[in-house]
Amino acid sequence: MNPATKDDLRIRLLIVDDEQTIRKLCATIGEALGFICMEAESGESALALLEEQPAHMILTDMVMPHMSGLEFLEKVKKLLPRTEVAVMTGHGSIETAVQAMKLGAYDYITKPFSPLEELRLFLRRMAEKVRLVEENEFLRQRMDSETAVHGIVGSSAKIQEVLRMVARLKDTRTPVLIYGESGTGKELVARAIHFRGAFASRPFVAVDCGSLVPTLIESELFGYEKGAFTGALRSKQGLFQSADGGTVFLDEVGELPLELQAKLLRVLQEKEVRPVGSNQRIKVDVRVIAATNRDLEAAYKTGSFRKDLFFRLNVVAMHVPALRERRSDIPMLVHWFLERYAPGSGMQVSSAAMKSLMQYEWPGNVRELENCIERAVALGNGRIIDLGDLPPSIAAGTEASASAAGISPLLESELGFESSLSEVRPGAPPTTDLEDIERATIQRVFEQVKGDKALAGRMLGISRATLYRKLKRYNITVSSAESSQTLQ
């Protein structure tokens, strides 16, 4: 990464004050936090600078010659409405500072700064808000530009492989068997195959085999003639006939009774159905996509599923990964559901809440995550979803789940959880693998500490033994004036 690109990813702070000592003091603290600091001695020069180089954050004095801090604030909010502006004021000008907040200022801090730690913490809190806003906007842009195919959201390697399979199968009539845990989105994949392809204008009929009453499954699938059984007052077309020319999606196909499995096999082989109570066979042209959360290969070996039907359905097998297998997609999914349940609200998720969402095991997969976000939107009372808005089982299980998930402290900073905010990444390329994140994080830290292993270990929050294992695993290279060697 070249220096210009790296600078684009860091928070830019503009300090506006007619006193050079104040500017230099604020710049020193800002640079220690990792910000790119710019200085201007007046509102006019600051506005000229902003037209060439927009800033994420501005710290401005209230009393300056020619243009007051309030005038400057109003002009900035018109020019750069998303830029956060904080004001510096003397102890006797609190009323003016409150007026500035009514005009859209982030907050105010009084001069002189005593102690200096107060200014440092103030800037870090301000940067946290900037990072949160930029991160949410970045995720929304990724959703719009990358992946949102019939509700299949994500940029991880595993979900991209699913989408590649969808693209290859969409124009064929080949049977597909979709495997995956409950709640992973197997029906969404089936719908994507159907509606993205050449047969999108034809019917798509979904059948939940696990919820059908056993005695009525045959009549539901294949139809019946008038008088075929008590209550059959008129003939009814079955679901296979309804889907003629299109797709039948058999969800939880492993729950079909053995007798019905034999009849389904005949339909697939002969492409015709016989309604209950009829001697006539009716031709149907349907594509069958089946889904299951069971191991059907093991089921046919134990005799609970027909072997011949298994091979008929399993022409192409697809696996939809569990949510815990693609944790890097969780932020994008969260914002997808926020847009669904709170459209246009600008609602965001705090770092603490996102950390819990990333570390939870999600036994109910994407469906459980959707329910969680819908609940948080319904119960939340502000624009920020925080830990208290999440179900207790998710909010309380952060530490244990992090250990089970294998998320190391050094990954937390890249996933947006660390309090140190040296960088925001609104334009960073999407990361699809946690190992890639880990490798890049270690590499960057080593560049910053110029190869000092002890210091790097402390910054990353991992033991020396763990650090050495990861250095060897990733073959980390440090290039600097002090160190130009491969660390193994």
Protein backbone atom coordinates (compact mmCIF):
# COMPACT_ATOMS: atom_id res chain seq x y z
CA MET A 1 0.00 0.00 0.00
CA ASN A 2 1.51 3.34 -0.96
CA PRO A 3 1.60 6.24 1.54
CA ALA A 4 -1.08 8.25 -0.23
CA THR A 5 -3.53 5.39 -0.06
CA LYS A 6 -2.68 4.73 3.57
CA ASP A 7 -3.30 8.40 4.41
CA ASP A 8 -6.72 8.22 2.77
CA LEU A 9 -7.77 5.65 5.37
CA ARG A 10 -6.81 7.72 8.44
CA ILE A 11 -8.91 10.27 10.30
CA ARG A 12 -8.17 13.82 9.16
CA LEU A 13 -8.42 16.49 11.87
CA LEU A 14 -8.47 20.21 11.10
CA ILE A 15 -7.57 22.59 13.96
CA VAL A 16 -8.76 26.19 13.54
CA ASP A 17 -7.45 28.79 15.99
CA ASP A 18 -5.68 32.12 15.67
CA GLU A 19 -3.25 31.12 18.46
CA GLN A 20 -0.38 29.05 17.08
CA THR A 21 0.44 27.48 20.47
CA ILE A 22 -3.10 26.08 20.74
CA ARG A 23 -2.95 24.71 17.20
CA LYS A 24 0.40 23.01 17.80
CA LEU A 25 -0.76 21.52 21.10
CA CYS A 26 -3.93 20.05 19.55
CA ALA A 27 -1.97 18.79 16.53
CA THR A 28 0.58 17.05 18.76
CA ILE A 29 -2.14 15.18 20.65
CA GLY A 30 -4.04 14.39 17.43
CA GLU A 31 -0.93 12.99 15.76
CA ALA A 32 -0.21 10.86 18.83
CA LEU A 33 -3.67 9.34 18.31
CA GLY A 34 -2.78 8.57 14.69
CA PHE A 35 -4.74 11.37 13.00
CA ILE A 36 -3.59 13.40 10.01
CA CYS A 37 -3.62 16.93 11.41
CA MET A 38 -4.11 20.15 9.42
CA GLU A 39 -4.01 23.69 10.79
CA ALA A 40 -5.68 26.98 9.90
CA GLU A 41 -5.40 30.36 11.66
CA SER A 42 -8.82 31.67 10.59
CA GLY A 43 -12.24 30.56 9.40
CA GLU A 44 -11.55 31.88 5.90
CA SER A 45 -8.32 29.93 5.47
CA ALA A 46 -9.94 26.84 6.96
CA LEU A 47 -12.77 26.92 4.41
CA ALA A 48 -10.28 27.29 1.56
CA LEU A 49 -8.34 24.30 2.91
CA LEU A 50 -11.51 22.19 3.25
CA GLU A 51 -12.42 22.74 -0.41
CA GLU A 52 -9.15 21.05 -1.38
CA GLN A 53 -8.93 18.47 1.42
CA PRO A 54 -12.14 17.60 3.36
CA ALA A 55 -11.71 16.61 7.01
CA HIS A 56 -13.48 14.00 9.12
CA MET A 57 -13.22 16.17 12.25
CA ILE A 58 -12.77 19.88 12.96
CA LEU A 59 -11.76 21.50 16.26
CA THR A 60 -12.39 25.25 16.09
CA ASP A 61 -12.03 28.19 18.42
CA MET A 62 -15.16 30.29 18.97
CA VAL A 63 -13.48 33.73 19.11
CA MET A 64 -11.45 34.56 16.01
CA PRO A 65 -10.95 37.78 13.98
CA HIS A 66 -13.06 38.42 10.84
CA MET A 67 -15.17 35.21 11.06
CA SER A 68 -16.53 33.92 14.36
CA GLY A 69 -16.62 30.24 15.28
CA LEU A 70 -20.42 30.22 14.91
CA GLU A 71 -20.23 31.65 11.38
CA PHE A 72 -17.54 29.13 10.48
CA LEU A 73 -19.64 26.26 11.90
CA GLU A 74 -22.66 27.23 9.80
CA LYS A 75 -20.62 27.39 6.61
CA VAL A 76 -18.93 24.02 7.29
CA LYS A 77 -22.27 22.29 7.90
CA LYS A 78 -23.50 23.52 4.52
CA LEU A 79 -20.27 22.54 2.75
CA LEU A 80 -19.61 19.21 4.55
CA PRO A 81 -22.72 18.12 6.46
CA ARG A 82 -21.16 14.80 7.59
CA THR A 83 -18.03 16.39 9.06
CA GLU A 84 -18.04 16.52 12.86
CA VAL A 85 -17.23 19.97 14.30
CA ALA A 86 -16.30 20.54 17.95
CA VAL A 87 -15.75 23.97 19.46
CA MET A 88 -13.16 25.30 21.92
CA THR A 89 -14.33 28.01 24.27
CA GLY A 90 -13.29 29.87 27.40
CA HIS A 91 -14.95 29.24 30.75
CA GLY A 92 -17.00 32.40 30.38
CA SER A 93 -18.50 31.49 26.99
CA ILE A 94 -20.48 28.35 27.75
CA GLU A 95 -23.71 29.89 26.45
CA THR A 96 -22.08 30.46 23.06
CA ALA A 97 -20.89 26.86 23.04
CA VAL A 98 -24.43 25.62 23.73
CA GLN A 99 -25.64 27.78 20.84
CA ALA A 100 -23.03 26.10 18.63
CA MET A 101 -24.36 22.66 19.57
CA LYS A 102 -27.84 23.76 18.50
CA LEU A 103 -26.33 24.59 15.10
CA GLY A 104 -24.96 21.06 14.77
CA ALA A 105 -21.66 21.05 16.68
CA TYR A 106 -20.60 17.68 18.08
CA ASP A 107 -19.66 19.06 21.52
CA TYR A 108 -17.54 21.72 23.18
CA ILE A 109 -14.39 21.70 25.31
CA THR A 110 -13.18 24.55 27.48
CA LYS A 111 -9.76 26.22 27.35
CA PRO A 112 -7.22 26.03 28.85
CA PHE A 113 -7.12 22.22 28.70
CA SER A 114 -6.48 20.95 32.19
CA PRO A 115 -5.38 18.26 32.32
CA LEU A 116 -4.26 17.56 28.75
CA GLU A 117 -5.67 14.04 29.09
CA GLU A 118 -9.12 15.66 28.88
CA LEU A 119 -8.39 16.85 25.34
CA ARG A 120 -7.01 13.46 24.31
CA LEU A 121 -10.12 11.62 25.58
CA PHE A 122 -12.36 14.24 23.94
CA LEU A 123 -10.75 13.68 20.55
CA ARG A 124 -10.92 9.89 20.92
CA ARG A 125 -14.65 10.01 21.69
CA MET A 126 -15.19 12.28 18.72
CA ALA A 127 -13.23 9.91 16.49
CA GLU A 128 -15.34 6.98 17.70
CA LYS A 129 -18.46 8.70 16.40
CA VAL A 130 -16.76 9.48 13.09
CA ARG A 131 -15.61 5.89 12.73
CA LEU A 132 -19.09 4.55 13.49
CA VAL A 133 -20.75 6.79 10.90
CA GLU A 134 -18.13 6.04 8.23
CA GLU A 135 -18.26 2.30 8.92
CA ASN A 136 -22.05 2.23 8.57
CA GLU A 137 -21.92 4.20 5.33
CA PHE A 138 -19.18 1.92 3.98
CA LEU A 139 -21.25 -1.17 4.72
CA ARG A 140 -24.32 0.31 3.04
CA GLN A 141 -22.27 1.10 -0.07
CA ARG A 142 -20.92 -2.45 -0.11
CA MET A 143 -24.43 -3.85 0.11
CA ASP A 144 -25.56 -1.69 -2.80
CA SER A 145 -22.55 -2.39 -5.00
CA GLU A 146 -21.51 -5.95 -4.18
CA THR A 147 -23.90 -8.60 -3.03
CA ALA A 148 -27.62 -8.55 -2.41
CA VAL A 149 -29.04 -11.32 -4.59
CA HIS A 150 -32.59 -12.18 -3.53
CA GLY A 151 -31.62 -11.56 0.09
CA ILE A 152 -28.28 -13.42 -0.09
CA VAL A 153 -25.98 -10.83 1.49
CA GLY A 154 -22.26 -11.18 2.04
CA SER A 155 -18.79 -10.87 0.58
CA SER A 156 -17.06 -13.77 2.37
CA ALA A 157 -15.35 -16.45 0.30
CA LYS A 158 -17.92 -19.07 1.27
CA ILE A 159 -20.98 -17.04 0.32
CA GLN A 160 -19.30 -15.93 -2.91
CA GLU A 161 -18.85 -19.60 -3.81
CA VAL A 162 -22.60 -20.11 -3.28
CA LEU A 163 -23.34 -17.21 -5.62
CA ARG A 164 -20.98 -18.58 -8.25
CA MET A 165 -22.91 -21.87 -8.13
CA VAL A 166 -26.19 -19.95 -8.45
CA ALA A 167 -24.88 -18.23 -11.58
CA ARG A 168 -23.83 -21.56 -13.12
CA LEU A 169 -27.14 -23.32 -12.38
CA LYS A 170 -29.68 -20.59 -13.08
CA ASP A 171 -30.34 -21.48 -16.73
CA THR A 172 -30.36 -25.27 -16.39
CA ARG A 173 -33.08 -27.77 -15.42
CA THR A 174 -30.66 -29.91 -13.41
CA PRO A 175 -31.93 -31.11 -9.99
CA VAL A 176 -30.11 -29.47 -7.07
CA LEU A 177 -29.84 -30.63 -3.47
CA ILE A 178 -29.06 -27.82 -1.01
CA TYR A 179 -27.53 -28.71 2.35
CA GLY A 180 -27.38 -26.42 5.34
CA GLU A 181 -28.42 -25.90 8.93
CA SER A 182 -31.82 -24.47 9.76
CA GLY A 183 -31.93 -20.71 9.21
CA THR A 184 -28.98 -20.47 6.82
CA GLY A 185 -31.09 -19.35 3.85
CA LYS A 186 -31.53 -22.49 1.75
CA GLU A 187 -34.82 -21.24 0.28
CA LEU A 188 -33.18 -17.90 -0.61
CA VAL A 189 -30.58 -19.84 -2.61
CA ALA A 190 -33.31 -21.83 -4.37
CA ARG A 191 -35.18 -18.64 -5.24
CA ALA A 192 -31.99 -17.03 -6.53
CA ILE A 193 -31.38 -20.01 -8.85
CA HIS A 194 -34.93 -19.76 -10.20
CA PHE A 195 -35.46 -16.00 -10.42
CA ARG A 196 -32.05 -15.09 -11.82
CA GLY A 197 -32.36 -17.52 -14.71
CA ALA A 198 -34.17 -18.10 -17.96
CA PHE A 199 -37.26 -19.51 -16.18
CA ALA A 200 -37.83 -16.54 -13.86
CA SER A 201 -41.22 -15.78 -15.43
CA ARG A 202 -42.46 -19.31 -14.65
CA PRO A 203 -43.92 -20.39 -11.27
CA PHE A 204 -41.81 -21.02 -8.19
CA VAL A 205 -43.65 -23.25 -5.70
CA ALA A 206 -42.14 -23.88 -2.25
CA VAL A 207 -43.23 -26.93 -0.26
CA ASP A 208 -42.25 -27.45 3.40
CA CYS A 209 -42.21 -31.23 3.57
CA GLY A 210 -41.72 -31.17 7.33
CA SER A 211 -44.94 -29.25 8.01
CA LEU A 212 -47.33 -31.18 5.75
CA VAL A 213 -49.76 -33.61 7.42
CA PRO A 214 -48.56 -37.11 6.35
CA THR A 215 -52.02 -38.20 5.23
CA LEU A 216 -52.38 -35.13 3.00
CA ILE A 217 -48.89 -34.90 1.46
CA GLU A 218 -49.77 -36.92 -1.65
CA SER A 219 -52.91 -34.92 -2.41
CA GLU A 220 -51.06 -31.63 -1.84
CA LEU A 221 -48.19 -32.57 -4.15
CA PHE A 222 -50.06 -34.38 -6.90
CA GLY A 223 -53.66 -33.13 -6.59
CA TYR A 224 -56.89 -35.15 -6.32
CA GLU A 225 -60.12 -35.90 -8.12
CA LYS A 226 -63.58 -35.00 -6.88
CA GLY A 227 -64.81 -37.71 -4.49
CA ALA A 228 -61.35 -39.24 -4.01
CA PHE A 229 -61.85 -39.05 -0.24
CA THR A 230 -64.25 -37.57 2.29
CA GLY A 231 -64.32 -33.81 1.86
CA ALA A 232 -63.06 -33.84 -1.74
CA LEU A 233 -66.04 -31.90 -3.09
CA ARG A 234 -64.22 -30.85 -6.26
CA SER A 235 -61.04 -31.71 -8.11
CA LYS A 236 -57.88 -29.83 -7.11
CA GLN A 237 -54.62 -29.30 -8.96
CA GLY A 238 -51.47 -30.39 -7.07
CA LEU A 239 -48.39 -28.29 -6.43
CA PHE A 240 -46.41 -30.02 -9.17
CA GLN A 241 -49.05 -29.08 -11.73
CA SER A 242 -49.14 -25.52 -10.36
CA ALA A 243 -45.40 -25.26 -10.98
CA ASP A 244 -45.51 -26.63 -14.54
CA GLY A 245 -42.72 -25.01 -16.56
CA GLY A 246 -41.10 -23.65 -13.40
CA THR A 247 -39.53 -24.87 -10.17
CA VAL A 248 -40.73 -26.94 -7.21
CA PHE A 249 -38.69 -26.32 -4.06
CA LEU A 250 -38.94 -29.24 -1.62
CA ASP A 251 -37.73 -27.91 1.71
CA GLU A 252 -36.68 -30.50 4.33
CA VAL A 253 -37.13 -33.27 1.78
CA GLY A 254 -35.64 -35.75 4.25
CA GLU A 255 -38.89 -35.60 6.25
CA LEU A 256 -40.96 -37.22 3.47
CA PRO A 257 -42.38 -40.67 4.41
CA LEU A 258 -40.84 -43.58 2.50
CA GLU A 259 -44.09 -44.27 0.59
CA LEU A 260 -44.13 -40.71 -0.73
CA GLN A 261 -40.45 -40.90 -1.58
CA ALA A 262 -41.23 -43.70 -4.04
CA LYS A 263 -43.97 -41.64 -5.71
CA LEU A 264 -41.71 -38.58 -5.88
CA LEU A 265 -39.05 -40.70 -7.57
CA ARG A 266 -41.55 -41.74 -10.26
CA VAL A 267 -42.42 -38.10 -10.88
CA LEU A 268 -38.76 -37.23 -11.37
CA GLN A 269 -38.14 -40.19 -13.66
CA GLU A 270 -41.32 -40.10 -15.74
CA LYS A 271 -42.13 -36.37 -15.50
CA GLU A 272 -45.79 -37.04 -14.84
CA VAL A 273 -48.12 -37.09 -11.83
CA ARG A 274 -51.26 -39.07 -11.06
CA PRO A 275 -53.78 -37.22 -8.89
CA VAL A 276 -55.28 -39.12 -5.95
CA GLY A 277 -58.42 -40.99 -7.09
CA SER A 278 -57.53 -40.76 -10.78
CA ASN A 279 -56.29 -43.30 -13.31
CA GLN A 280 -54.99 -40.58 -15.61
CA ARG A 281 -51.37 -39.44 -15.61
CA ILE A 282 -50.64 -35.78 -16.29
CA LYS A 283 -47.37 -34.63 -17.84
CA VAL A 284 -45.47 -31.98 -15.88
CA ASP A 285 -42.27 -30.16 -16.75
CA VAL A 286 -40.76 -28.95 -13.50
CA ARG A 287 -37.32 -28.45 -12.13
CA VAL A 288 -36.86 -29.84 -8.61
CA ILE A 289 -34.65 -28.12 -6.06
CA ALA A 290 -34.58 -29.88 -2.70
CA ALA A 291 -33.10 -28.82 0.62
CA THR A 292 -32.30 -30.57 3.87
CA ASN A 293 -30.51 -30.09 7.16
CA ARG A 294 -30.01 -33.85 7.48
CA ASP A 295 -27.21 -36.05 6.16
CA LEU A 296 -29.20 -37.88 3.46
CA GLU A 297 -26.28 -40.09 2.53
CA ALA A 298 -26.23 -41.43 6.10
CA ALA A 299 -30.05 -41.64 6.02
CA TYR A 300 -30.16 -43.89 2.95
CA LYS A 301 -27.52 -46.14 4.51
CA THR A 302 -29.77 -46.63 7.55
CA GLY A 303 -32.86 -47.14 5.39
CA SER A 304 -34.75 -43.95 6.36
CA PHE A 305 -34.30 -42.40 2.91
CA ARG A 306 -34.43 -44.08 -0.49
CA LYS A 307 -31.02 -44.50 -2.08
CA ASP A 308 -32.35 -44.15 -5.62
CA LEU A 309 -34.19 -40.94 -4.74
CA PHE A 310 -31.06 -39.55 -3.09
CA PHE A 311 -29.03 -40.02 -6.28
CA ARG A 312 -31.85 -38.56 -8.35
CA LEU A 313 -31.95 -35.39 -6.25
CA ASN A 314 -28.21 -35.14 -5.61
CA VAL A 315 -27.17 -34.42 -9.20
CA VAL A 316 -25.66 -31.12 -8.01
CA ALA A 317 -25.06 -30.62 -4.30
CA MET A 318 -24.66 -27.19 -2.71
CA HIS A 319 -23.71 -26.32 0.86
CA VAL A 320 -24.98 -23.10 2.46
CA PRO A 321 -22.53 -22.21 5.26
CA ALA A 322 -23.62 -21.59 8.83
CA LEU A 323 -23.34 -17.98 9.98
CA ARG A 324 -20.50 -18.84 12.37
CA GLU A 325 -18.54 -20.03 9.29
CA ARG A 326 -18.77 -16.58 7.67
CA ARG A 327 -18.56 -14.12 10.55
CA SER A 328 -17.08 -11.40 8.32
CA ASP A 329 -20.54 -11.10 6.67
CA ILE A 330 -22.29 -10.23 9.94
CA PRO A 331 -21.81 -6.42 9.76
CA MET A 332 -23.18 -6.34 6.22
CA LEU A 333 -26.14 -8.54 7.22
CA VAL A 334 -26.84 -6.33 10.23
CA HIS A 335 -27.08 -3.24 8.05
CA TRP A 336 -29.16 -5.09 5.48
CA PHE A 337 -31.72 -5.89 8.22
CA LEU A 338 -31.55 -2.35 9.60
CA GLU A 339 -32.52 -1.05 6.18
CA ARG A 340 -35.39 -3.54 6.10
CA TYR A 341 -36.82 -2.81 9.56
CA ALA A 342 -35.85 0.85 9.94
CA PRO A 343 -35.58 2.20 6.38
CA GLY A 344 -34.12 5.68 6.07
CA SER A 345 -33.66 6.03 9.84
CA GLY A 346 -29.87 6.13 9.77
CA MET A 347 -29.88 3.73 12.71
CA GLN A 348 -26.41 2.46 13.61
CA VAL A 349 -24.85 -0.24 15.79
CA SER A 350 -22.35 0.60 18.52
CA SER A 351 -18.93 -1.03 18.54
CA ALA A 352 -19.78 -2.95 21.73
CA ALA A 353 -23.01 -4.30 20.24
CA MET A 354 -21.32 -5.26 16.97
CA LYS A 355 -18.59 -7.02 18.94
CA SER A 356 -21.22 -9.17 20.68
CA LEU A 357 -22.97 -9.90 17.37
CA MET A 358 -19.66 -10.98 15.81
CA GLN A 359 -18.74 -13.27 18.70
CA TYR A 360 -22.09 -14.99 19.30
CA GLU A 361 -22.37 -18.55 17.94
CA TRP A 362 -25.75 -18.05 16.13
CA PRO A 363 -27.28 -21.55 16.44
CA GLY A 364 -30.29 -20.19 14.52
CA ASN A 365 -28.02 -18.69 11.85
CA VAL A 366 -29.16 -15.79 9.64
CA ARG A 367 -32.80 -16.20 10.68
CA GLU A 368 -31.83 -15.70 14.34
CA LEU A 369 -29.74 -12.63 13.44
CA GLU A 370 -32.67 -11.14 11.55
CA ASN A 371 -34.98 -11.68 14.53
CA CYS A 372 -32.36 -10.11 16.81
CA ILE A 373 -32.12 -6.94 14.69
CA GLU A 374 -35.91 -6.68 14.30
CA ARG A 375 -36.21 -6.90 18.11
CA ALA A 376 -33.51 -4.26 18.64
CA VAL A 377 -35.23 -1.86 16.23
CA ALA A 378 -38.58 -2.39 17.95
CA LEU A 379 -37.28 -1.97 21.50
CA GLY A 380 -34.53 0.60 20.95
CA ASN A 381 -35.23 4.22 21.84
CA GLY A 382 -32.53 5.98 19.86
CA ARG A 383 -30.50 5.94 16.64
CA ILE A 384 -27.78 3.75 18.15
CA ILE A 385 -28.34 0.05 18.88
CA ASP A 386 -26.27 -0.76 21.95
CA LEU A 387 -25.69 -3.85 24.12
CA GLY A 388 -28.84 -3.18 26.13
CA ASP A 389 -30.97 -3.47 22.97
CA LEU A 390 -29.74 -7.01 22.22
CA PRO A 391 -31.24 -10.20 23.68
CA PRO A 392 -29.55 -10.96 27.04
CA SER A 393 -28.15 -14.27 25.76
CA ILE A 394 -26.25 -12.41 23.03
CA ALA A 395 -25.19 -9.37 25.05
CA ALA A 396 -23.99 -11.45 28.03
CA GLY A 397 -22.08 -14.11 26.13
CA THR A 398 -19.38 -11.93 24.58
CA GLU A 399 -16.34 -13.23 26.43
CA ALA A 400 -17.18 -16.94 26.26
CA SER A 401 -18.25 -16.76 22.63
CA ALA A 402 -15.08 -14.92 21.64
CA SER A 403 -13.01 -17.76 23.04
CA ALA A 404 -15.12 -20.38 21.27
CA ALA A 405 -14.95 -18.45 18.01
CA GLY A 406 -11.19 -18.06 18.17
CA ILE A 407 -11.29 -14.29 17.69
CA SER A 408 -8.01 -12.94 19.04
CA PRO A 409 -7.62 -9.46 20.54
CA LEU A 410 -5.60 -8.33 17.53
CA LEU A 411 -8.58 -9.04 15.26
CA GLU A 412 -10.89 -6.84 17.32
CA SER A 413 -9.27 -3.67 16.04
CA GLU A 414 -9.76 -4.68 12.40
CA LEU A 415 -13.38 -5.63 13.04
CA GLY A 416 -14.03 -2.21 14.54
CA PHE A 417 -14.09 -3.03 18.27
CA GLU A 418 -10.90 -1.44 19.57
CA SER A 419 -11.03 1.92 21.34
CA SER A 420 -7.84 3.13 19.64
CA LEU A 421 -9.03 4.91 16.54
CA SER A 422 -6.00 5.67 14.46
CA GLU A 423 -7.81 4.75 11.25
CA VAL A 424 -11.23 4.66 9.71
CA ARG A 425 -11.73 2.55 6.62
CA PRO A 426 -14.58 3.96 4.51
CA GLY A 427 -12.71 3.10 1.32
CA ALA A 428 -10.91 -0.07 2.34
CA PRO A 429 -11.36 -3.16 0.17
CA PRO A 430 -13.77 -5.77 1.58
CA THR A 431 -12.10 -8.47 3.67
CA THR A 432 -13.39 -11.98 3.14
CA ASP A 433 -11.25 -14.05 5.48
CA LEU A 434 -10.34 -13.59 9.15
CA GLU A 435 -6.85 -14.96 8.53
CA ASP A 436 -6.28 -12.23 5.94
CA ILE A 437 -7.33 -9.64 8.53
CA GLU A 438 -5.01 -11.15 11.13
CA ARG A 439 -2.04 -11.30 8.76
CA ALA A 440 -2.51 -7.67 7.68
CA THR A 441 -2.91 -6.48 11.27
CA ILE A 442 0.29 -8.15 12.45
CA GLN A 443 2.18 -6.81 9.42
CA ARG A 444 0.97 -3.26 10.08
CA VAL A 445 1.85 -3.37 13.79
CA PHE A 446 5.35 -4.66 13.01
CA GLU A 447 5.86 -1.82 10.59
CA GLN A 448 4.79 0.66 13.27
CA VAL A 449 7.14 -0.77 15.95
CA LYS A 450 9.97 -1.39 13.44
CA GLY A 451 10.24 -5.09 14.21
CA ASP A 452 10.23 -4.91 18.03
CA LYS A 453 8.62 -8.28 18.90
CA ALA A 454 8.08 -7.52 22.60
CA LEU A 455 6.32 -4.23 21.86
CA ALA A 456 4.31 -5.80 19.03
CA GLY A 457 3.08 -8.56 21.34
CA ARG A 458 1.89 -5.99 23.90
CA MET A 459 0.12 -3.92 21.24
CA LEU A 460 -1.58 -6.98 19.74
CA GLY A 461 -2.63 -8.33 23.14
CA ILE A 462 -1.20 -11.81 22.59
CA SER A 463 1.47 -13.85 24.34
CA ARG A 464 5.01 -14.12 22.98
CA ALA A 465 4.51 -17.83 22.18
CA THR A 466 1.36 -17.07 20.21
CA LEU A 467 3.11 -14.20 18.44
CA TYR A 468 6.01 -16.42 17.30
CA ARG A 469 3.61 -19.09 16.00
CA LYS A 470 1.74 -16.51 13.93
CA LEU A 471 4.96 -14.95 12.61
CA LYS A 472 6.11 -18.34 11.40
CA ARG A 473 2.69 -19.21 9.99
CA TYR A 474 2.31 -15.98 8.01
CA ASN A 475 6.01 -15.46 7.19
CA ILE A 476 5.71 -11.83 8.22
CA THR A 477 8.25 -9.46 6.64
CA VAL A 478 9.27 -6.13 8.15
CA SER A 479 10.77 -3.50 5.88
CA SER A 480 12.14 -0.39 7.59
CA ALA A 481 15.38 1.49 8.01
CA GLU A 482 16.06 -0.29 11.30
CA SER A 483 14.93 -3.76 10.26
CA SER A 484 14.84 -5.50 6.92
CA GLN A 485 14.44 -9.15 7.69
CA THR A 486 11.95 -11.99 7.58
CA LEU A 487 10.61 -12.75 11.04
CA GLN A 488 10.01 -16.44 11.50
